[in-house]
Amino acid sequence: MNNFDKITDQYKLSHEKPDKKYSMLPTLVRLASPLENSTVLDLGCGDGFFTQELAKHYPRLVIGVDNSSAMLSQTNQTPNTVYMRRDIFHDALPLGNVAMAPFVLNYPKNPKELSQVIGNISRSVRGRFIGLIDMPTGCSPELTKKFGATKKVDSYTDGSLIDINLYNQEDYICSLQSNYFSKETMEGKLYENGFSNVAWHTPLINQEGIEVMGEEFWAGYVDNCELAYFTAESY
């Protein structure tokens, strides 16, 4: 869907977006914790933005998995990180006690493909699974742009196309596409593929983000967030 081999340099600029730096990153780390002595999977790791942060929280090992060789060429190796080129939809994945998949579950084209990729992930997780998905339901692009993205969905039916523009405040970064799935469909496919205790979570904004951007900047972010976070378990 998105050719990250061609947009590697542009996409890397998205790491400075306020929502990614001060909300997505700390929210995912919070949901993944505690990480001590765990083997952690970062599925769809790209250049390792989330992988490197996870590695600071004392896991045994963080394994970044992605299908883009260009993205993986940008990763930084540390003593407790390993990167693998794999197709998350079809290839066998390494085992982990904790796994997270930022935006990966928006790449299937329809509910059948969604079930297939969740099934593949379920075979590699022996513990907690954290998902971050595009969920542009009722969000104002005029508001969300300053946080880091505008998202337009054709319709709120499973598999509908989402057009995404990423911004660092007023500076345009790049355009992407993903596919919409409702919370009900996502949750149903998780349970169908052996996950349990599915729960949805509110994003946080860390203290650094409040200090750097100002408390007023974040007004309306949580209530109008075009993202959704969940956790689930598989043993």
C-alpha atoms as a PDB file:
ATOM      1  CA  MET A   1       0.000   0.000   0.000  1.00  0.00           C
ATOM      2  CA  ASN A   2       2.703   2.492   1.042  1.00  0.00           C
ATOM      3  CA  ASN A   3       6.125   2.135  -0.563  1.00  0.00           C
ATOM      4  CA  PHE A   4       8.324   2.951   2.400  1.00  0.00           C
ATOM      5  CA  ASP A   5      11.419   2.064   0.374  1.00  0.00           C
ATOM      6  CA  LYS A   6      10.741   5.246  -1.616  1.00  0.00           C
ATOM      7  CA  ILE A   7       9.718   7.588   1.192  1.00  0.00           C
ATOM      8  CA  THR A   8      12.207   6.564   3.881  1.00  0.00           C
ATOM      9  CA  ASP A   9      13.813  10.001   4.219  1.00  0.00           C
ATOM     10  CA  GLN A  10      10.500  11.880   4.260  1.00  0.00           C
ATOM     11  CA  TYR A  11       8.868   9.496   6.712  1.00  0.00           C
ATOM     12  CA  LYS A  12      11.769   9.845   9.129  1.00  0.00           C
ATOM     13  CA  LEU A  13      10.734  13.489   9.579  1.00  0.00           C
ATOM     14  CA  SER A  14       7.492  12.245  11.152  1.00  0.00           C
ATOM     15  CA  HIS A  15       9.401  11.346  14.313  1.00  0.00           C
ATOM     16  CA  GLU A  16       9.335  15.043  15.254  1.00  0.00           C
ATOM     17  CA  LYS A  17       5.534  15.363  14.996  1.00  0.00           C
ATOM     18  CA  PRO A  18       4.119  16.440  18.378  1.00  0.00           C
ATOM     19  CA  ASP A  19       1.591  13.591  18.536  1.00  0.00           C
ATOM     20  CA  LYS A  20       4.184  10.930  17.729  1.00  0.00           C
ATOM     21  CA  LYS A  21       6.935  12.266  19.960  1.00  0.00           C
ATOM     22  CA  TYR A  22       4.912  13.277  22.995  1.00  0.00           C
ATOM     23  CA  SER A  23       1.862  10.983  22.891  1.00  0.00           C
ATOM     24  CA  MET A  24       2.212   7.882  20.698  1.00  0.00           C
ATOM     25  CA  LEU A  25       5.670   7.016  21.988  1.00  0.00           C
ATOM     26  CA  PRO A  26       4.965   7.357  25.737  1.00  0.00           C
ATOM     27  CA  THR A  27       1.522   5.754  25.404  1.00  0.00           C
ATOM     28  CA  LEU A  28       2.920   2.657  23.695  1.00  0.00           C
ATOM     29  CA  VAL A  29       5.740   2.372  26.240  1.00  0.00           C
ATOM     30  CA  ARG A  30       3.244   2.647  29.101  1.00  0.00           C
ATOM     31  CA  LEU A  31       1.001  -0.040  27.621  1.00  0.00           C
ATOM     32  CA  ALA A  32       3.972  -2.328  26.983  1.00  0.00           C
ATOM     33  CA  SER A  33       5.449  -1.965  30.478  1.00  0.00           C
ATOM     34  CA  PRO A  34       6.784  -3.600  32.538  1.00  0.00           C
ATOM     35  CA  LEU A  35       9.448  -4.804  30.106  1.00  0.00           C
ATOM     36  CA  GLU A  36      12.156  -6.102  32.423  1.00  0.00           C
ATOM     37  CA  ASN A  37      13.576  -9.429  31.181  1.00  0.00           C
ATOM     38  CA  SER A  38      11.046  -9.615  28.337  1.00  0.00           C
ATOM     39  CA  THR A  39      11.568 -10.391  24.671  1.00  0.00           C
ATOM     40  CA  VAL A  40       9.698  -7.620  22.878  1.00  0.00           C
ATOM     41  CA  LEU A  41       8.536  -7.545  19.247  1.00  0.00           C
ATOM     42  CA  ASP A  42       8.141  -4.245  17.403  1.00  0.00           C
ATOM     43  CA  LEU A  43       6.131  -5.298  14.350  1.00  0.00           C
ATOM     44  CA  GLY A  44       6.345  -2.841  11.478  1.00  0.00           C
ATOM     45  CA  CYS A  45       9.345  -1.244  13.164  1.00  0.00           C
ATOM     46  CA  GLY A  46      10.450   0.921  10.220  1.00  0.00           C
ATOM     47  CA  ASP A  47      13.714   2.639  11.103  1.00  0.00           C
ATOM     48  CA  GLY A  48      13.413   1.624  14.751  1.00  0.00           C
ATOM     49  CA  PHE A  49      11.887   4.776  16.253  1.00  0.00           C
ATOM     50  CA  PHE A  50       9.762   2.868  18.764  1.00  0.00           C
ATOM     51  CA  THR A  51      12.239  -0.035  18.981  1.00  0.00           C
ATOM     52  CA  GLN A  52      15.005   2.136  20.362  1.00  0.00           C
ATOM     53  CA  GLU A  53      12.778   3.650  23.022  1.00  0.00           C
ATOM     54  CA  LEU A  54      11.541   0.230  24.117  1.00  0.00           C
ATOM     55  CA  ALA A  55      15.155  -0.932  24.392  1.00  0.00           C
ATOM     56  CA  LYS A  56      15.797   1.701  27.088  1.00  0.00           C
ATOM     57  CA  HIS A  57      13.336   0.055  29.467  1.00  0.00           C
ATOM     58  CA  TYR A  58      15.443  -3.017  30.350  1.00  0.00           C
ATOM     59  CA  PRO A  59      13.983  -5.777  28.182  1.00  0.00           C
ATOM     60  CA  ARG A  60      16.095  -8.829  27.500  1.00  0.00           C
ATOM     61  CA  LEU A  61      15.789  -8.208  23.764  1.00  0.00           C
ATOM     62  CA  VAL A  62      13.762  -6.057  21.370  1.00  0.00           C
ATOM     63  CA  ILE A  63      13.252  -7.517  17.900  1.00  0.00           C
ATOM     64  CA  GLY A  64      12.237  -5.072  15.201  1.00  0.00           C
ATOM     65  CA  VAL A  65      10.445  -6.609  12.227  1.00  0.00           C
ATOM     66  CA  ASP A  66       9.683  -4.849   8.937  1.00  0.00           C
ATOM     67  CA  ASN A  67       9.421  -5.677   5.227  1.00  0.00           C
ATOM     68  CA  SER A  68      11.180  -2.520   3.991  1.00  0.00           C
ATOM     69  CA  SER A  69      14.914  -3.001   3.446  1.00  0.00           C
ATOM     70  CA  ALA A  70      15.359   0.770   3.054  1.00  0.00           C
ATOM     71  CA  MET A  71      13.748   1.418   6.435  1.00  0.00           C
ATOM     72  CA  LEU A  72      15.755  -1.315   8.134  1.00  0.00           C
ATOM     73  CA  SER A  73      18.982   0.162   6.700  1.00  0.00           C
ATOM     74  CA  GLN A  74      18.298   3.260   8.850  1.00  0.00           C
ATOM     75  CA  THR A  75      18.125   1.391  12.159  1.00  0.00           C
ATOM     76  CA  ASN A  76      20.683   1.817  14.926  1.00  0.00           C
ATOM     77  CA  GLN A  77      21.995  -1.384  16.450  1.00  0.00           C
ATOM     78  CA  THR A  78      22.276  -1.535  20.236  1.00  0.00           C
ATOM     79  CA  PRO A  79      23.267  -4.459  22.472  1.00  0.00           C
ATOM     80  CA  ASN A  80      19.669  -5.515  23.135  1.00  0.00           C
ATOM     81  CA  THR A  81      18.112  -4.884  19.696  1.00  0.00           C
ATOM     82  CA  VAL A  82      17.897  -7.100  16.620  1.00  0.00           C
ATOM     83  CA  TYR A  83      16.217  -6.292  13.305  1.00  0.00           C
ATOM     84  CA  MET A  84      14.676  -8.750  10.847  1.00  0.00           C
ATOM     85  CA  ARG A  85      13.183  -8.357   7.385  1.00  0.00           C
ATOM     86  CA  ARG A  86       9.902 -10.273   7.392  1.00  0.00           C
ATOM     87  CA  ASP A  87       6.452 -10.051   5.808  1.00  0.00           C
ATOM     88  CA  ILE A  88       4.232  -9.754   8.880  1.00  0.00           C
ATOM     89  CA  PHE A  89       1.232 -10.980   6.886  1.00  0.00           C
ATOM     90  CA  HIS A  90       2.766 -14.283   5.798  1.00  0.00           C
ATOM     91  CA  ASP A  91       6.195 -15.051   7.271  1.00  0.00           C
ATOM     92  CA  ALA A  92       6.787 -16.876  10.528  1.00  0.00           C
ATOM     93  CA  LEU A  93       7.595 -14.339  13.229  1.00  0.00           C
ATOM     94  CA  PRO A  94       9.898 -14.661  16.239  1.00  0.00           C
ATOM     95  CA  LEU A  95       8.381 -15.380  19.637  1.00  0.00           C
ATOM     96  CA  GLY A  96       7.954 -12.597  22.167  1.00  0.00           C
ATOM     97  CA  ASN A  97       6.487 -11.986  25.620  1.00  0.00           C
ATOM     98  CA  VAL A  98       5.325  -8.536  24.506  1.00  0.00           C
ATOM     99  CA  ALA A  99       4.478  -7.423  20.979  1.00  0.00           C
ATOM    100  CA  MET A 100       3.330  -4.136  19.573  1.00  0.00           C
ATOM    101  CA  ALA A 101       2.157  -3.298  16.072  1.00  0.00           C
ATOM    102  CA  PRO A 102       1.832   0.435  15.349  1.00  0.00           C
ATOM    103  CA  PHE A 103      -0.488   0.905  12.325  1.00  0.00           C
ATOM    104  CA  VAL A 104       0.165  -2.609  10.943  1.00  0.00           C
ATOM    105  CA  LEU A 105      -3.476  -3.621  11.397  1.00  0.00           C
ATOM    106  CA  ASN A 106      -4.627  -0.835   9.065  1.00  0.00           C
ATOM    107  CA  TYR A 107      -2.824  -2.404   6.079  1.00  0.00           C
ATOM    108  CA  PRO A 108      -5.143  -5.384   5.404  1.00  0.00           C
ATOM    109  CA  LYS A 109      -7.633  -4.654   2.629  1.00  0.00           C
ATOM    110  CA  ASN A 110     -10.648  -6.371   4.171  1.00  0.00           C
ATOM    111  CA  PRO A 111     -11.759  -8.258   7.314  1.00  0.00           C
ATOM    112  CA  LYS A 112     -10.514 -11.586   5.913  1.00  0.00           C
ATOM    113  CA  GLU A 113      -6.984 -10.232   5.487  1.00  0.00           C
ATOM    114  CA  LEU A 114      -7.221  -8.575   8.892  1.00  0.00           C
ATOM    115  CA  SER A 115      -8.015 -11.944  10.453  1.00  0.00           C
ATOM    116  CA  GLN A 116      -5.080 -13.547   8.629  1.00  0.00           C
ATOM    117  CA  VAL A 117      -2.491 -11.073   9.868  1.00  0.00           C
ATOM    118  CA  ILE A 118      -3.867 -11.134  13.433  1.00  0.00           C
ATOM    119  CA  GLY A 119      -3.712 -14.934  13.290  1.00  0.00           C
ATOM    120  CA  ASN A 120      -0.091 -14.802  12.183  1.00  0.00           C
ATOM    121  CA  ILE A 121       0.780 -12.399  14.986  1.00  0.00           C
ATOM    122  CA  SER A 122      -1.059 -14.517  17.554  1.00  0.00           C
ATOM    123  CA  ARG A 123       1.279 -17.431  16.859  1.00  0.00           C
ATOM    124  CA  SER A 124       4.276 -15.321  17.906  1.00  0.00           C
ATOM    125  CA  VAL A 125       2.921 -13.695  21.089  1.00  0.00           C
ATOM    126  CA  ARG A 126       3.075 -15.388  24.471  1.00  0.00           C
ATOM    127  CA  GLY A 127       1.886 -12.518  26.605  1.00  0.00           C
ATOM    128  CA  ARG A 128       0.732  -8.977  25.860  1.00  0.00           C
ATOM    129  CA  PHE A 129      -0.132  -7.515  22.440  1.00  0.00           C
ATOM    130  CA  ILE A 130      -0.420  -3.743  21.958  1.00  0.00           C
ATOM    131  CA  GLY A 131      -2.049  -2.218  18.897  1.00  0.00           C
ATOM    132  CA  LEU A 132      -2.100   1.345  17.594  1.00  0.00           C
ATOM    133  CA  ILE A 133      -4.535   1.921  14.724  1.00  0.00           C
ATOM    134  CA  ASP A 134      -5.886   4.746  12.595  1.00  0.00           C
ATOM    135  CA  MET A 135      -9.393   5.561  13.810  1.00  0.00           C
ATOM    136  CA  PRO A 136     -10.537   8.860  12.222  1.00  0.00           C
ATOM    137  CA  THR A 137     -14.107   8.894  13.506  1.00  0.00           C
ATOM    138  CA  GLY A 138     -15.520  12.378  13.878  1.00  0.00           C
ATOM    139  CA  CYS A 139     -12.163  14.161  14.115  1.00  0.00           C
ATOM    140  CA  SER A 140     -11.705  17.671  12.712  1.00  0.00           C
ATOM    141  CA  PRO A 141      -8.720  17.874  10.279  1.00  0.00           C
ATOM    142  CA  GLU A 142      -8.348  21.541  11.184  1.00  0.00           C
ATOM    143  CA  LEU A 143      -7.691  20.478  14.777  1.00  0.00           C
ATOM    144  CA  THR A 144      -5.660  17.309  14.227  1.00  0.00           C
ATOM    145  CA  LYS A 145      -3.274  18.895  11.691  1.00  0.00           C
ATOM    146  CA  LYS A 146      -1.409  20.852  14.365  1.00  0.00           C
ATOM    147  CA  PHE A 147      -0.891  17.655  16.359  1.00  0.00           C
ATOM    148  CA  GLY A 148       0.599  15.815  13.377  1.00  0.00           C
ATOM    149  CA  ALA A 149      -1.906  14.418  10.867  1.00  0.00           C
ATOM    150  CA  THR A 150      -5.069  14.849   8.848  1.00  0.00           C
ATOM    151  CA  LYS A 151      -7.052  11.742   7.941  1.00  0.00           C
ATOM    152  CA  LYS A 152      -9.999  11.442   5.588  1.00  0.00           C
ATOM    153  CA  VAL A 153     -11.979   8.220   5.330  1.00  0.00           C
ATOM    154  CA  ASP A 154     -14.291   7.405   2.414  1.00  0.00           C
ATOM    155  CA  SER A 155     -16.871   5.782   4.697  1.00  0.00           C
ATOM    156  CA  TYR A 156     -16.997   4.070   8.053  1.00  0.00           C
ATOM    157  CA  THR A 157     -17.196   0.596   6.549  1.00  0.00           C
ATOM    158  CA  ASP A 158     -14.521  -2.046   7.045  1.00  0.00           C
ATOM    159  CA  GLY A 159     -11.774  -1.805   4.455  1.00  0.00           C
ATOM    160  CA  SER A 160     -12.567   1.783   3.417  1.00  0.00           C
ATOM    161  CA  LEU A 161      -9.568   3.823   2.324  1.00  0.00           C
ATOM    162  CA  ILE A 162      -8.062   6.406   4.672  1.00  0.00           C
ATOM    163  CA  ASP A 163      -6.074   9.236   3.054  1.00  0.00           C
ATOM    164  CA  ILE A 164      -3.433  10.501   5.456  1.00  0.00           C
ATOM    165  CA  ASN A 165      -1.267  13.616   5.377  1.00  0.00           C
ATOM    166  CA  LEU A 166       1.458  13.946   7.997  1.00  0.00           C
ATOM    167  CA  TYR A 167       2.604  17.326   9.286  1.00  0.00           C
ATOM    168  CA  ASN A 168       5.029  18.736  11.802  1.00  0.00           C
ATOM    169  CA  GLN A 169       2.627  21.516  12.743  1.00  0.00           C
ATOM    170  CA  GLU A 170       2.421  23.544   9.463  1.00  0.00           C
ATOM    171  CA  ASP A 171       5.231  21.676   7.670  1.00  0.00           C
ATOM    172  CA  TYR A 172       3.950  18.952   5.319  1.00  0.00           C
ATOM    173  CA  ILE A 173       5.905  15.683   5.589  1.00  0.00           C
ATOM    174  CA  CYS A 174       4.328  13.055   3.338  1.00  0.00           C
ATOM    175  CA  SER A 175       1.097  11.307   2.349  1.00  0.00           C
ATOM    176  CA  LEU A 176       0.101   7.756   3.221  1.00  0.00           C
ATOM    177  CA  GLN A 177      -2.916   5.492   2.880  1.00  0.00           C
ATOM    178  CA  SER A 178      -4.397   2.897   5.179  1.00  0.00           C
ATOM    179  CA  ASN A 179      -7.672   1.046   5.621  1.00  0.00           C
ATOM    180  CA  TYR A 180     -10.395   1.646   8.182  1.00  0.00           C
ATOM    181  CA  PHE A 181     -11.720  -1.042  10.514  1.00  0.00           C
ATOM    182  CA  SER A 182     -14.211  -0.447  13.292  1.00  0.00           C
ATOM    183  CA  LYS A 183     -13.376  -1.194  16.906  1.00  0.00           C
ATOM    184  CA  GLU A 184     -16.034  -3.920  16.853  1.00  0.00           C
ATOM    185  CA  THR A 185     -14.438  -5.646  13.858  1.00  0.00           C
ATOM    186  CA  MET A 186     -10.917  -5.297  15.261  1.00  0.00           C
ATOM    187  CA  GLU A 187     -11.967  -6.687  18.624  1.00  0.00           C
ATOM    188  CA  GLY A 188     -13.906  -9.535  17.027  1.00  0.00           C
ATOM    189  CA  LYS A 189     -10.938 -10.638  14.913  1.00  0.00           C
ATOM    190  CA  LEU A 190      -8.652 -10.534  17.948  1.00  0.00           C
ATOM    191  CA  TYR A 191     -10.957 -12.854  19.883  1.00  0.00           C
ATOM    192  CA  GLU A 192     -11.448 -15.140  16.849  1.00  0.00           C
ATOM    193  CA  ASN A 193      -7.688 -15.630  16.640  1.00  0.00           C
ATOM    194  CA  GLY A 194      -7.128 -16.586  20.255  1.00  0.00           C
ATOM    195  CA  PHE A 195      -6.521 -13.272  21.967  1.00  0.00           C
ATOM    196  CA  SER A 196      -8.309 -12.513  25.228  1.00  0.00           C
ATOM    197  CA  ASN A 197      -8.945  -9.567  27.551  1.00  0.00           C
ATOM    198  CA  VAL A 198      -9.092  -6.986  24.763  1.00  0.00           C
ATOM    199  CA  ALA A 199      -9.166  -3.461  26.236  1.00  0.00           C
ATOM    200  CA  TRP A 200      -9.121   0.024  24.690  1.00  0.00           C
ATOM    201  CA  HIS A 201      -7.014   2.810  26.152  1.00  0.00           C
ATOM    202  CA  THR A 202      -6.915   6.597  26.210  1.00  0.00           C
ATOM    203  CA  PRO A 203      -3.696   8.195  24.899  1.00  0.00           C
ATOM    204  CA  LEU A 204      -1.503  10.123  27.279  1.00  0.00           C
ATOM    205  CA  ILE A 205       0.589  13.254  26.758  1.00  0.00           C
ATOM    206  CA  ASN A 206       3.884  13.161  28.598  1.00  0.00           C
ATOM    207  CA  GLN A 207       5.211  15.969  30.757  1.00  0.00           C
ATOM    208  CA  GLU A 208       7.892  16.891  28.236  1.00  0.00           C
ATOM    209  CA  GLY A 209       5.224  17.484  25.606  1.00  0.00           C
ATOM    210  CA  ILE A 210       3.289  19.778  27.938  1.00  0.00           C
ATOM    211  CA  GLU A 211       6.428  21.701  28.839  1.00  0.00           C
ATOM    212  CA  VAL A 212       7.688  22.048  25.255  1.00  0.00           C
ATOM    213  CA  MET A 213       4.401  22.742  23.455  1.00  0.00           C
ATOM    214  CA  GLY A 214       2.420  24.279  26.285  1.00  0.00           C
ATOM    215  CA  GLU A 215      -0.721  22.958  27.947  1.00  0.00           C
ATOM    216  CA  GLU A 216      -3.001  25.068  25.725  1.00  0.00           C
ATOM    217  CA  PHE A 217      -1.557  23.478  22.581  1.00  0.00           C
ATOM    218  CA  TRP A 218      -2.950  20.081  23.589  1.00  0.00           C
ATOM    219  CA  ALA A 219      -6.509  21.276  24.203  1.00  0.00           C
ATOM    220  CA  GLY A 220      -8.874  18.865  22.463  1.00  0.00           C
ATOM    221  CA  TYR A 221      -6.229  16.293  21.582  1.00  0.00           C
ATOM    222  CA  VAL A 222      -7.456  13.375  23.692  1.00  0.00           C
ATOM    223  CA  ASP A 223     -11.130  13.948  22.852  1.00  0.00           C
ATOM    224  CA  ASN A 224     -10.430  14.315  19.113  1.00  0.00           C
ATOM    225  CA  CYS A 225      -7.598  11.813  18.685  1.00  0.00           C
ATOM    226  CA  GLU A 226      -7.760  10.039  15.308  1.00  0.00           C
ATOM    227  CA  LEU A 227      -5.943   7.045  16.808  1.00  0.00           C
ATOM    228  CA  ALA A 228      -7.035   4.094  18.942  1.00  0.00           C
ATOM    229  CA  TYR A 229      -4.937   1.965  21.291  1.00  0.00           C
ATOM    230  CA  PHE A 230      -5.730  -1.538  22.515  1.00  0.00           C
ATOM    231  CA  THR A 231      -4.133  -4.296  24.529  1.00  0.00           C
ATOM    232  CA  ALA A 232      -4.860  -8.002  24.324  1.00  0.00           C
ATOM    233  CA  GLU A 233      -3.372 -11.194  25.716  1.00  0.00           C
ATOM    234  CA  SER A 234      -2.329 -14.514  24.179  1.00  0.00           C
ATOM    235  CA  TYR A 235      -0.832 -17.515  26.028  1.00  0.00           C
END
